[in-house]
Amino acid sequence: MGTLKFLVTIITFTFVLQGISQTPDQQKKMEEMQRDAEEAQKKAMEMMENNPQFQEAMKMMEGAEEEYKQEEMRGQVEAEKKQKDAAKDHLKDFYWRNKVASNRQGVFENWQWGTAEIAYWDGEGGYNPGRVPYEEYVIVGKVTESGTVQMNLPSQVKTNRVIKTGLFPQMHEILNNEVQFSNPDVSFLWSGYRFKVIRGEEVLGHIYVGNSERATHNLASPSAMKYGDEGYLLYWAYSADSCHATFEKKDTNRTVYEGETSKVIDQYTIVDMDLKPGWNLVKIEVNGNHTIGSRTRWKFKTYSVVDARPSDSRYYFKYE
């Protein structure tokens, strides 16, 4: 029916154009002709509207127009879905690139790198990843030829800082001077969020511990700590004595951006670390997240110390 009304509007507009620059008499006749035409159009419309064939034709036209609109909407929805799926596939490829995971018993199936040692660097001076003398590594475990991870942390290590300045590394989202320490001057070693896997002086890759390939990467990378993929990262730290570290922060009404998308979010950080003398297994965990565009930001992030590797954790090896 909208199509018919459109045609009537065009005819009426034509009469209006024809009435421009006419004499009064001509203008009067034109107005009478326009009224007659409108009346005739009205009667014609009534006749056509009461004609079953016309009604059926109009329904078909309107149905075709509606179907075209629906098809456009379906095409738009499908295009958006493909774009989101492509973004998900890109992220999956990114997080699994050059990476394999063990089972929950700590065994890599189809391990291809033979027997290798797990270590962290403890040398002096500047670190050159391409040339590290073997004697500057501290060996903390190994991966057997069959792919089984065996951790064997040394009982005594060299501590390179005190905990009040060394609990969190530089470029971290938490500053050490914000944390409350029960024993701030205790000697401390942060050996990194990941260990190296080496054979002699050759670095084969790095090993992470946690329950998610995304969380282990994000929480160990300064540029990715903002992301909110749920899960946890485990890492080892050595304390010469007992120390309780606490910190809480509520960051509310914070506007964050992901591309052209923005969102106001709340974030909560809790540090409650009861460190004991010797090696401590530290757990950083993300719970809950905010979706912003194709990525997420975390809601709750907690830091704690656990007694042993949780049963749902795995080793993730990112090879060179």
C-alpha atoms as a PDB file:
ATOM      1  CA  MET A   1       0.000   0.000   0.000  1.00  0.00           C
ATOM      2  CA  GLY A   2       2.926   2.308   0.571  1.00  0.00           C
ATOM      3  CA  THR A   3       3.833   1.989  -3.119  1.00  0.00           C
ATOM      4  CA  LEU A   4       0.389   3.240  -4.217  1.00  0.00           C
ATOM      5  CA  LYS A   5       0.510   6.212  -1.885  1.00  0.00           C
ATOM      6  CA  PHE A   6       3.918   7.081  -3.257  1.00  0.00           C
ATOM      7  CA  LEU A   7       2.514   7.169  -6.810  1.00  0.00           C
ATOM      8  CA  VAL A   8      -0.368   9.433  -5.744  1.00  0.00           C
ATOM      9  CA  THR A   9       2.109  11.796  -4.087  1.00  0.00           C
ATOM     10  CA  ILE A  10       4.105  12.031  -7.333  1.00  0.00           C
ATOM     11  CA  ILE A  11       0.996  12.856  -9.364  1.00  0.00           C
ATOM     12  CA  THR A  12      -0.036  15.548  -6.894  1.00  0.00           C
ATOM     13  CA  PHE A  13       3.436  17.047  -6.903  1.00  0.00           C
ATOM     14  CA  THR A  14       3.265  17.209 -10.724  1.00  0.00           C
ATOM     15  CA  PHE A  15       0.111  19.354 -10.550  1.00  0.00           C
ATOM     16  CA  VAL A  16       1.835  21.665  -8.102  1.00  0.00           C
ATOM     17  CA  LEU A  17       4.758  22.173 -10.486  1.00  0.00           C
ATOM     18  CA  GLN A  18       2.427  22.880 -13.350  1.00  0.00           C
ATOM     19  CA  GLY A  19       0.709  25.612 -11.292  1.00  0.00           C
ATOM     20  CA  ILE A  20       3.861  27.695 -10.976  1.00  0.00           C
ATOM     21  CA  SER A  21       3.908  31.059 -12.850  1.00  0.00           C
ATOM     22  CA  GLN A  22       0.178  30.866 -13.918  1.00  0.00           C
ATOM     23  CA  THR A  23      -2.371  33.792 -14.183  1.00  0.00           C
ATOM     24  CA  PRO A  24      -5.099  33.913 -11.498  1.00  0.00           C
ATOM     25  CA  ASP A  25      -7.704  32.386 -13.843  1.00  0.00           C
ATOM     26  CA  GLN A  26      -5.298  29.733 -14.976  1.00  0.00           C
ATOM     27  CA  GLN A  27      -4.354  29.092 -11.390  1.00  0.00           C
ATOM     28  CA  LYS A  28      -8.029  28.715 -10.434  1.00  0.00           C
ATOM     29  CA  LYS A  29      -8.669  26.252 -13.255  1.00  0.00           C
ATOM     30  CA  MET A  30      -5.543  24.385 -12.295  1.00  0.00           C
ATOM     31  CA  GLU A  31      -6.730  24.094  -8.688  1.00  0.00           C
ATOM     32  CA  GLU A  32     -10.126  22.809  -9.859  1.00  0.00           C
ATOM     33  CA  MET A  33      -8.413  20.278 -12.105  1.00  0.00           C
ATOM     34  CA  GLN A  34      -6.215  19.240  -9.188  1.00  0.00           C
ATOM     35  CA  ARG A  35      -9.244  18.767  -6.935  1.00  0.00           C
ATOM     36  CA  ASP A  36     -10.968  16.724  -9.623  1.00  0.00           C
ATOM     37  CA  ALA A  37      -7.836  14.689 -10.108  1.00  0.00           C
ATOM     38  CA  GLU A  38      -7.501  14.069  -6.367  1.00  0.00           C
ATOM     39  CA  GLU A  39     -11.158  13.010  -6.207  1.00  0.00           C
ATOM     40  CA  ALA A  40     -10.676  10.714  -9.164  1.00  0.00           C
ATOM     41  CA  GLN A  41      -7.536   9.321  -7.557  1.00  0.00           C
ATOM     42  CA  LYS A  42      -9.410   8.778  -4.316  1.00  0.00           C
ATOM     43  CA  LYS A  43     -12.182   6.855  -6.090  1.00  0.00           C
ATOM     44  CA  ALA A  44      -9.607   4.897  -8.065  1.00  0.00           C
ATOM     45  CA  MET A  45      -7.811   3.995  -4.874  1.00  0.00           C
ATOM     46  CA  GLU A  46     -11.045   2.876  -3.254  1.00  0.00           C
ATOM     47  CA  MET A  47     -11.875   0.726  -6.273  1.00  0.00           C
ATOM     48  CA  MET A  48      -8.394  -0.761  -6.345  1.00  0.00           C
ATOM     49  CA  GLU A  49      -8.362  -1.364  -2.604  1.00  0.00           C
ATOM     50  CA  ASN A  50     -11.607  -3.287  -2.883  1.00  0.00           C
ATOM     51  CA  ASN A  51     -10.281  -5.315  -5.791  1.00  0.00           C
ATOM     52  CA  PRO A  52      -9.049  -8.723  -4.530  1.00  0.00           C
ATOM     53  CA  GLN A  53      -6.464  -9.023  -7.285  1.00  0.00           C
ATOM     54  CA  PHE A  54      -5.073  -5.594  -6.477  1.00  0.00           C
ATOM     55  CA  GLN A  55      -4.963  -6.387  -2.778  1.00  0.00           C
ATOM     56  CA  GLU A  56      -3.109  -9.606  -3.488  1.00  0.00           C
ATOM     57  CA  ALA A  57      -0.622  -7.769  -5.719  1.00  0.00           C
ATOM     58  CA  MET A  58      -0.003  -5.144  -3.047  1.00  0.00           C
ATOM     59  CA  LYS A  59       0.544  -7.836  -0.420  1.00  0.00           C
ATOM     60  CA  MET A  60       3.070  -9.505  -2.683  1.00  0.00           C
ATOM     61  CA  MET A  61       4.884  -6.199  -3.219  1.00  0.00           C
ATOM     62  CA  GLU A  62       4.921  -5.391   0.489  1.00  0.00           C
ATOM     63  CA  GLY A  63       5.990  -8.955   1.291  1.00  0.00           C
ATOM     64  CA  ALA A  64       8.852  -8.716  -1.184  1.00  0.00           C
ATOM     65  CA  GLU A  65       9.932  -5.406   0.340  1.00  0.00           C
ATOM     66  CA  GLU A  66       9.846  -6.874   3.852  1.00  0.00           C
ATOM     67  CA  GLU A  67      11.774  -9.949   2.711  1.00  0.00           C
ATOM     68  CA  TYR A  68      14.432  -7.682   1.198  1.00  0.00           C
ATOM     69  CA  LYS A  69      14.776  -5.831   4.519  1.00  0.00           C
ATOM     70  CA  GLN A  70      14.999  -9.109   6.444  1.00  0.00           C
ATOM     71  CA  GLU A  71      17.616 -10.400   4.022  1.00  0.00           C
ATOM     72  CA  GLU A  72      19.675  -7.251   4.557  1.00  0.00           C
ATOM     73  CA  MET A  73      19.435  -7.701   8.324  1.00  0.00           C
ATOM     74  CA  ARG A  74      20.423 -11.377   8.079  1.00  0.00           C
ATOM     75  CA  GLY A  75      23.374 -10.408   5.901  1.00  0.00           C
ATOM     76  CA  GLN A  76      24.491  -7.817   8.438  1.00  0.00           C
ATOM     77  CA  VAL A  77      24.161 -10.269  11.344  1.00  0.00           C
ATOM     78  CA  GLU A  78      26.094 -12.912   9.400  1.00  0.00           C
ATOM     79  CA  ALA A  79      28.855 -10.429   8.528  1.00  0.00           C
ATOM     80  CA  GLU A  80      29.175  -9.419  12.204  1.00  0.00           C
ATOM     81  CA  LYS A  81      29.293 -13.087  13.248  1.00  0.00           C
ATOM     82  CA  LYS A  82      32.035 -13.830  10.711  1.00  0.00           C
ATOM     83  CA  GLN A  83      33.999 -10.829  11.962  1.00  0.00           C
ATOM     84  CA  LYS A  84      33.718 -12.022  15.587  1.00  0.00           C
ATOM     85  CA  ASP A  85      34.621 -15.597  14.623  1.00  0.00           C
ATOM     86  CA  ALA A  86      37.651 -14.320  12.700  1.00  0.00           C
ATOM     87  CA  ALA A  87      38.747 -12.328  15.770  1.00  0.00           C
ATOM     88  CA  LYS A  88      38.360 -15.435  17.968  1.00  0.00           C
ATOM     89  CA  ASP A  89      40.349 -17.567  15.522  1.00  0.00           C
ATOM     90  CA  HIS A  90      43.074 -14.918  15.415  1.00  0.00           C
ATOM     91  CA  LEU A  91      43.323 -14.913  19.225  1.00  0.00           C
ATOM     92  CA  LYS A  92      43.369 -18.718  19.320  1.00  0.00           C
ATOM     93  CA  ASP A  93      46.172 -18.806  16.782  1.00  0.00           C
ATOM     94  CA  PHE A  94      48.064 -16.144  18.723  1.00  0.00           C
ATOM     95  CA  TYR A  95      47.892 -17.888  22.097  1.00  0.00           C
ATOM     96  CA  TRP A  96      48.764 -21.331  20.723  1.00  0.00           C
ATOM     97  CA  ARG A  97      51.473 -20.225  18.306  1.00  0.00           C
ATOM     98  CA  ASN A  98      54.650 -22.291  18.984  1.00  0.00           C
ATOM     99  CA  LYS A  99      53.070 -23.668  22.157  1.00  0.00           C
ATOM    100  CA  VAL A 100      52.167 -27.116  23.507  1.00  0.00           C
ATOM    101  CA  ALA A 101      50.523 -28.103  26.795  1.00  0.00           C
ATOM    102  CA  SER A 102      51.118 -31.041  29.109  1.00  0.00           C
ATOM    103  CA  ASN A 103      48.344 -33.104  30.617  1.00  0.00           C
ATOM    104  CA  ARG A 104      47.369 -32.490  34.233  1.00  0.00           C
ATOM    105  CA  GLN A 105      49.908 -35.057  35.400  1.00  0.00           C
ATOM    106  CA  GLY A 106      52.686 -32.876  33.959  1.00  0.00           C
ATOM    107  CA  VAL A 107      53.495 -35.008  30.904  1.00  0.00           C
ATOM    108  CA  PHE A 108      53.894 -33.578  27.400  1.00  0.00           C
ATOM    109  CA  GLU A 109      52.624 -36.071  24.854  1.00  0.00           C
ATOM    110  CA  ASN A 110      54.703 -36.261  21.684  1.00  0.00           C
ATOM    111  CA  TRP A 111      57.563 -34.314  23.269  1.00  0.00           C
ATOM    112  CA  GLN A 112      60.086 -33.587  20.496  1.00  0.00           C
ATOM    113  CA  TRP A 113      62.993 -31.908  22.261  1.00  0.00           C
ATOM    114  CA  GLY A 114      64.651 -34.780  24.108  1.00  0.00           C
ATOM    115  CA  THR A 115      65.929 -34.387  27.654  1.00  0.00           C
ATOM    116  CA  ALA A 116      66.131 -30.723  28.637  1.00  0.00           C
ATOM    117  CA  GLU A 117      66.755 -28.746  31.802  1.00  0.00           C
ATOM    118  CA  ILE A 118      64.461 -26.165  33.420  1.00  0.00           C
ATOM    119  CA  ALA A 119      66.343 -23.144  34.715  1.00  0.00           C
ATOM    120  CA  TYR A 120      66.442 -19.444  35.422  1.00  0.00           C
ATOM    121  CA  TRP A 121      69.297 -17.066  34.785  1.00  0.00           C
ATOM    122  CA  ASP A 122      71.260 -15.899  37.834  1.00  0.00           C
ATOM    123  CA  GLY A 123      74.279 -14.266  36.257  1.00  0.00           C
ATOM    124  CA  GLU A 124      75.771 -10.871  36.947  1.00  0.00           C
ATOM    125  CA  GLY A 125      75.607  -7.820  34.700  1.00  0.00           C
ATOM    126  CA  GLY A 126      73.523  -7.395  31.588  1.00  0.00           C
ATOM    127  CA  TYR A 127      71.480 -10.295  30.313  1.00  0.00           C
ATOM    128  CA  ASN A 128      72.079 -11.303  26.690  1.00  0.00           C
ATOM    129  CA  PRO A 129      69.538 -14.010  25.723  1.00  0.00           C
ATOM    130  CA  GLY A 130      71.700 -15.114  22.809  1.00  0.00           C
ATOM    131  CA  ARG A 131      74.841 -15.736  24.856  1.00  0.00           C
ATOM    132  CA  VAL A 132      74.365 -16.971  28.417  1.00  0.00           C
ATOM    133  CA  PRO A 133      77.129 -19.157  29.904  1.00  0.00           C
ATOM    134  CA  TYR A 134      75.688 -22.398  31.226  1.00  0.00           C
ATOM    135  CA  GLU A 135      77.209 -21.812  34.663  1.00  0.00           C
ATOM    136  CA  GLU A 136      75.047 -18.706  35.081  1.00  0.00           C
ATOM    137  CA  TYR A 137      71.872 -20.793  35.052  1.00  0.00           C
ATOM    138  CA  VAL A 138      70.277 -22.217  38.196  1.00  0.00           C
ATOM    139  CA  ILE A 139      68.747 -25.602  37.381  1.00  0.00           C
ATOM    140  CA  VAL A 140      65.334 -26.133  39.012  1.00  0.00           C
ATOM    141  CA  GLY A 141      64.120 -29.244  37.177  1.00  0.00           C
ATOM    142  CA  LYS A 142      64.027 -31.047  33.868  1.00  0.00           C
ATOM    143  CA  VAL A 143      61.828 -32.440  31.135  1.00  0.00           C
ATOM    144  CA  THR A 144      62.652 -36.077  30.452  1.00  0.00           C
ATOM    145  CA  GLU A 145      63.024 -37.524  26.992  1.00  0.00           C
ATOM    146  CA  SER A 146      59.494 -38.905  27.299  1.00  0.00           C
ATOM    147  CA  GLY A 147      58.105 -35.426  28.131  1.00  0.00           C
ATOM    148  CA  THR A 148      57.625 -35.711  31.906  1.00  0.00           C
ATOM    149  CA  VAL A 149      58.243 -32.532  33.898  1.00  0.00           C
ATOM    150  CA  GLN A 150      60.247 -33.101  37.084  1.00  0.00           C
ATOM    151  CA  MET A 151      60.767 -30.083  39.342  1.00  0.00           C
ATOM    152  CA  ASN A 152      63.702 -30.156  41.790  1.00  0.00           C
ATOM    153  CA  LEU A 153      64.108 -26.723  43.329  1.00  0.00           C
ATOM    154  CA  PRO A 154      67.474 -26.141  45.084  1.00  0.00           C
ATOM    155  CA  SER A 155      67.303 -25.686  48.836  1.00  0.00           C
ATOM    156  CA  GLN A 156      69.645 -22.688  48.838  1.00  0.00           C
ATOM    157  CA  VAL A 157      69.749 -19.900  46.266  1.00  0.00           C
ATOM    158  CA  LYS A 158      71.292 -16.475  45.917  1.00  0.00           C
ATOM    159  CA  THR A 159      68.754 -13.768  46.742  1.00  0.00           C
ATOM    160  CA  ASN A 160      69.166 -10.623  44.691  1.00  0.00           C
ATOM    161  CA  ARG A 161      66.945  -8.108  46.509  1.00  0.00           C
ATOM    162  CA  VAL A 162      64.751  -7.470  49.544  1.00  0.00           C
ATOM    163  CA  ILE A 163      61.063  -8.173  49.383  1.00  0.00           C
ATOM    164  CA  LYS A 164      59.876  -4.580  49.872  1.00  0.00           C
ATOM    165  CA  THR A 165      61.454  -3.638  46.542  1.00  0.00           C
ATOM    166  CA  GLY A 166      61.416  -7.006  44.774  1.00  0.00           C
ATOM    167  CA  LEU A 167      58.041  -8.715  45.301  1.00  0.00           C
ATOM    168  CA  PHE A 168      56.746  -7.377  41.990  1.00  0.00           C
ATOM    169  CA  PRO A 169      58.976  -6.641  38.982  1.00  0.00           C
ATOM    170  CA  GLN A 170      59.222  -3.327  37.201  1.00  0.00           C
ATOM    171  CA  MET A 171      56.498  -2.526  34.645  1.00  0.00           C
ATOM    172  CA  HIS A 172      53.958  -4.328  36.839  1.00  0.00           C
ATOM    173  CA  GLU A 173      50.495  -2.951  37.595  1.00  0.00           C
ATOM    174  CA  ILE A 174      51.216  -3.069  41.353  1.00  0.00           C
ATOM    175  CA  LEU A 175      53.941  -0.919  42.841  1.00  0.00           C
ATOM    176  CA  ASN A 176      55.964  -2.441  45.672  1.00  0.00           C
ATOM    177  CA  ASN A 177      55.675   0.737  47.774  1.00  0.00           C
ATOM    178  CA  GLU A 178      51.875   0.264  47.809  1.00  0.00           C
ATOM    179  CA  VAL A 179      52.156  -3.140  49.529  1.00  0.00           C
ATOM    180  CA  GLN A 180      52.195  -3.686  53.283  1.00  0.00           C
ATOM    181  CA  PHE A 181      54.932  -6.108  54.448  1.00  0.00           C
ATOM    182  CA  SER A 182      55.209  -7.753  57.854  1.00  0.00           C
ATOM    183  CA  ASN A 183      58.947  -8.291  57.278  1.00  0.00           C
ATOM    184  CA  PRO A 184      59.919  -5.749  54.584  1.00  0.00           C
ATOM    185  CA  ASP A 185      63.703  -6.297  54.690  1.00  0.00           C
ATOM    186  CA  VAL A 186      63.721 -10.064  54.218  1.00  0.00           C
ATOM    187  CA  SER A 187      65.964 -11.269  51.379  1.00  0.00           C
ATOM    188  CA  PHE A 188      63.954 -12.313  48.339  1.00  0.00           C
ATOM    189  CA  LEU A 189      64.326 -13.838  44.872  1.00  0.00           C
ATOM    190  CA  TRP A 190      61.853 -13.308  42.047  1.00  0.00           C
ATOM    191  CA  SER A 191      62.951 -15.827  39.433  1.00  0.00           C
ATOM    192  CA  GLY A 192      60.420 -14.702  36.820  1.00  0.00           C
ATOM    193  CA  TYR A 193      56.913 -15.682  35.799  1.00  0.00           C
ATOM    194  CA  ARG A 194      58.323 -18.458  33.625  1.00  0.00           C
ATOM    195  CA  PHE A 195      61.396 -20.688  33.546  1.00  0.00           C
ATOM    196  CA  LYS A 196      63.687 -21.313  30.611  1.00  0.00           C
ATOM    197  CA  VAL A 197      64.011 -24.728  29.018  1.00  0.00           C
ATOM    198  CA  ILE A 198      67.656 -25.240  27.984  1.00  0.00           C
ATOM    199  CA  ARG A 199      70.053 -27.781  26.609  1.00  0.00           C
ATOM    200  CA  GLY A 200      73.533 -26.615  27.514  1.00  0.00           C
ATOM    201  CA  GLU A 201      73.652 -22.959  26.560  1.00  0.00           C
ATOM    202  CA  GLU A 202      70.892 -23.346  23.961  1.00  0.00           C
ATOM    203  CA  VAL A 203      67.507 -21.930  24.957  1.00  0.00           C
ATOM    204  CA  LEU A 204      64.786 -24.211  23.602  1.00  0.00           C
ATOM    205  CA  GLY A 205      61.918 -22.107  24.918  1.00  0.00           C
ATOM    206  CA  HIS A 206      60.064 -21.164  28.089  1.00  0.00           C
ATOM    207  CA  ILE A 207      57.758 -23.056  30.410  1.00  0.00           C
ATOM    208  CA  TYR A 208      54.711 -21.591  32.158  1.00  0.00           C
ATOM    209  CA  VAL A 209      52.429 -23.161  34.768  1.00  0.00           C
ATOM    210  CA  GLY A 210      48.689 -22.554  35.099  1.00  0.00           C
ATOM    211  CA  ASN A 211      45.276 -23.697  33.884  1.00  0.00           C
ATOM    212  CA  SER A 212      44.818 -21.563  30.764  1.00  0.00           C
ATOM    213  CA  GLU A 213      47.022 -20.840  27.754  1.00  0.00           C
ATOM    214  CA  ARG A 214      45.577 -17.320  27.700  1.00  0.00           C
ATOM    215  CA  ALA A 215      45.874 -16.507  31.403  1.00  0.00           C
ATOM    216  CA  THR A 216      49.450 -17.804  31.634  1.00  0.00           C
ATOM    217  CA  HIS A 217      50.478 -15.571  28.723  1.00  0.00           C
ATOM    218  CA  ASN A 218      48.540 -12.481  29.820  1.00  0.00           C
ATOM    219  CA  LEU A 219      49.613 -12.546  33.461  1.00  0.00           C
ATOM    220  CA  ALA A 220      53.283 -13.017  32.540  1.00  0.00           C
ATOM    221  CA  SER A 221      53.372 -10.228  29.929  1.00  0.00           C
ATOM    222  CA  PRO A 222      53.401  -6.542  30.936  1.00  0.00           C
ATOM    223  CA  SER A 223      51.601  -5.538  27.740  1.00  0.00           C
ATOM    224  CA  ALA A 224      48.820  -8.122  28.235  1.00  0.00           C
ATOM    225  CA  MET A 225      48.147  -7.949  31.998  1.00  0.00           C
ATOM    226  CA  LYS A 226      45.090  -5.779  31.312  1.00  0.00           C
ATOM    227  CA  TYR A 227      43.200  -8.594  29.572  1.00  0.00           C
ATOM    228  CA  GLY A 228      40.552 -10.560  31.427  1.00  0.00           C
ATOM    229  CA  ASP A 229      40.719 -14.156  30.189  1.00  0.00           C
ATOM    230  CA  GLU A 230      39.823 -16.164  33.281  1.00  0.00           C
ATOM    231  CA  GLY A 231      42.346 -18.538  34.800  1.00  0.00           C
ATOM    232  CA  TYR A 232      45.567 -18.426  36.779  1.00  0.00           C
ATOM    233  CA  LEU A 233      49.345 -18.376  36.500  1.00  0.00           C
ATOM    234  CA  LEU A 234      51.718 -20.064  38.949  1.00  0.00           C
ATOM    235  CA  TYR A 235      55.328 -19.097  39.547  1.00  0.00           C
ATOM    236  CA  TRP A 236      58.001 -19.783  42.150  1.00  0.00           C
ATOM    237  CA  ALA A 237      59.607 -17.161  44.426  1.00  0.00           C
ATOM    238  CA  TYR A 238      62.184 -17.659  47.160  1.00  0.00           C
ATOM    239  CA  SER A 239      62.031 -15.920  50.554  1.00  0.00           C
ATOM    240  CA  ALA A 240      64.781 -16.119  53.151  1.00  0.00           C
ATOM    241  CA  ASP A 241      62.262 -15.739  55.971  1.00  0.00           C
ATOM    242  CA  SER A 242      58.533 -15.486  56.628  1.00  0.00           C
ATOM    243  CA  CYS A 243      56.680 -12.435  55.390  1.00  0.00           C
ATOM    244  CA  HIS A 244      53.017 -11.552  54.970  1.00  0.00           C
ATOM    245  CA  ALA A 245      52.284  -9.177  52.065  1.00  0.00           C
ATOM    246  CA  THR A 246      48.888  -7.465  51.735  1.00  0.00           C
ATOM    247  CA  PHE A 247      47.341  -4.925  49.387  1.00  0.00           C
ATOM    248  CA  GLU A 248      43.831  -4.041  48.233  1.00  0.00           C
ATOM    249  CA  LYS A 249      42.701  -1.667  45.524  1.00  0.00           C
ATOM    250  CA  LYS A 250      39.291  -0.762  44.110  1.00  0.00           C
ATOM    251  CA  ASP A 251      39.437   1.005  40.774  1.00  0.00           C
ATOM    252  CA  THR A 252      35.854   2.092  40.047  1.00  0.00           C
ATOM    253  CA  ASN A 253      34.196   3.976  37.184  1.00  0.00           C
ATOM    254  CA  ARG A 254      37.231   3.490  34.987  1.00  0.00           C
ATOM    255  CA  THR A 255      36.805   4.097  31.245  1.00  0.00           C
ATOM    256  CA  VAL A 256      38.793   1.658  29.137  1.00  0.00           C
ATOM    257  CA  TYR A 257      39.090   1.363  25.372  1.00  0.00           C
ATOM    258  CA  GLU A 258      39.453  -1.511  22.941  1.00  0.00           C
ATOM    259  CA  GLY A 259      39.777  -0.091  19.438  1.00  0.00           C
ATOM    260  CA  GLU A 260      36.794   2.201  18.907  1.00  0.00           C
ATOM    261  CA  THR A 261      34.796   0.574  21.730  1.00  0.00           C
ATOM    262  CA  SER A 262      34.816   1.972  25.267  1.00  0.00           C
ATOM    263  CA  LYS A 263      33.230   0.859  28.525  1.00  0.00           C
ATOM    264  CA  VAL A 264      33.102   2.044  32.135  1.00  0.00           C
ATOM    265  CA  ILE A 265      34.223  -0.781  34.431  1.00  0.00           C
ATOM    266  CA  ASP A 266      35.151  -1.586  38.044  1.00  0.00           C
ATOM    267  CA  GLN A 267      38.275  -3.581  38.920  1.00  0.00           C
ATOM    268  CA  TYR A 268      39.403  -5.060  42.238  1.00  0.00           C
ATOM    269  CA  THR A 269      42.929  -6.207  43.162  1.00  0.00           C
ATOM    270  CA  ILE A 270      43.683  -8.248  46.286  1.00  0.00           C
ATOM    271  CA  VAL A 271      47.168  -9.307  47.442  1.00  0.00           C
ATOM    272  CA  ASP A 272      47.202 -11.712  50.397  1.00  0.00           C
ATOM    273  CA  MET A 273      50.500 -13.598  50.251  1.00  0.00           C
ATOM    274  CA  ASP A 274      51.707 -15.600  53.248  1.00  0.00           C
ATOM    275  CA  LEU A 275      55.312 -16.314  52.269  1.00  0.00           C
ATOM    276  CA  LYS A 276      57.288 -18.942  54.159  1.00  0.00           C
ATOM    277  CA  PRO A 277      61.064 -19.484  54.310  1.00  0.00           C
ATOM    278  CA  GLY A 278      62.260 -21.170  51.118  1.00  0.00           C
ATOM    279  CA  TRP A 279      60.439 -21.595  47.825  1.00  0.00           C
ATOM    280  CA  ASN A 280      56.855 -20.392  47.548  1.00  0.00           C
ATOM    281  CA  LEU A 281      54.387 -21.209  44.769  1.00  0.00           C
ATOM    282  CA  VAL A 282      52.590 -17.944  43.983  1.00  0.00           C
ATOM    283  CA  LYS A 283      49.206 -17.916  42.269  1.00  0.00           C
ATOM    284  CA  ILE A 284      47.816 -14.970  40.281  1.00  0.00           C
ATOM    285  CA  GLU A 285      44.193 -15.534  39.360  1.00  0.00           C
ATOM    286  CA  VAL A 286      41.605 -13.676  37.277  1.00  0.00           C
ATOM    287  CA  ASN A 287      37.942 -14.142  38.197  1.00  0.00           C
ATOM    288  CA  GLY A 288      35.199 -12.504  36.148  1.00  0.00           C
ATOM    289  CA  ASN A 289      35.657 -10.127  33.250  1.00  0.00           C
ATOM    290  CA  HIS A 290      34.174  -7.277  31.233  1.00  0.00           C
ATOM    291  CA  THR A 291      33.652  -7.760  27.488  1.00  0.00           C
ATOM    292  CA  ILE A 292      34.801  -4.774  25.420  1.00  0.00           C
ATOM    293  CA  GLY A 293      34.683  -5.259  21.684  1.00  0.00           C
ATOM    294  CA  SER A 294      36.440  -8.521  20.867  1.00  0.00           C
ATOM    295  CA  ARG A 295      38.538  -8.577  24.071  1.00  0.00           C
ATOM    296  CA  THR A 296      37.993  -8.581  27.818  1.00  0.00           C
ATOM    297  CA  ARG A 297      39.241  -6.796  30.927  1.00  0.00           C
ATOM    298  CA  TRP A 298      39.465  -8.510  34.312  1.00  0.00           C
ATOM    299  CA  LYS A 299      37.091  -7.810  37.219  1.00  0.00           C
ATOM    300  CA  PHE A 300      38.910  -9.462  40.128  1.00  0.00           C
ATOM    301  CA  LYS A 301      42.610 -10.270  40.320  1.00  0.00           C
ATOM    302  CA  THR A 302      44.045 -12.031  43.378  1.00  0.00           C
ATOM    303  CA  TYR A 303      47.603 -12.874  44.469  1.00  0.00           C
ATOM    304  CA  SER A 304      48.131 -15.702  46.951  1.00  0.00           C
ATOM    305  CA  VAL A 305      50.505 -18.528  47.901  1.00  0.00           C
ATOM    306  CA  VAL A 306      49.433 -22.163  47.446  1.00  0.00           C
ATOM    307  CA  ASP A 307      50.918 -25.286  48.996  1.00  0.00           C
ATOM    308  CA  ALA A 308      51.172 -27.300  45.786  1.00  0.00           C
ATOM    309  CA  ARG A 309      50.380 -27.252  42.089  1.00  0.00           C
ATOM    310  CA  PRO A 310      46.552 -27.473  41.754  1.00  0.00           C
ATOM    311  CA  SER A 311      45.142 -30.614  40.147  1.00  0.00           C
ATOM    312  CA  ASP A 312      43.710 -28.703  37.156  1.00  0.00           C
ATOM    313  CA  SER A 313      47.001 -27.001  36.251  1.00  0.00           C
ATOM    314  CA  ARG A 314      49.270 -27.805  33.311  1.00  0.00           C
ATOM    315  CA  TYR A 315      52.700 -26.908  32.013  1.00  0.00           C
ATOM    316  CA  TYR A 316      52.786 -24.813  28.848  1.00  0.00           C
ATOM    317  CA  PHE A 317      55.931 -24.895  26.740  1.00  0.00           C
ATOM    318  CA  LYS A 318      56.461 -22.098  24.234  1.00  0.00           C
ATOM    319  CA  TYR A 319      59.277 -23.172  21.964  1.00  0.00           C
ATOM    320  CA  GLU A 320      61.655 -20.947  20.026  1.00  0.00           C
END
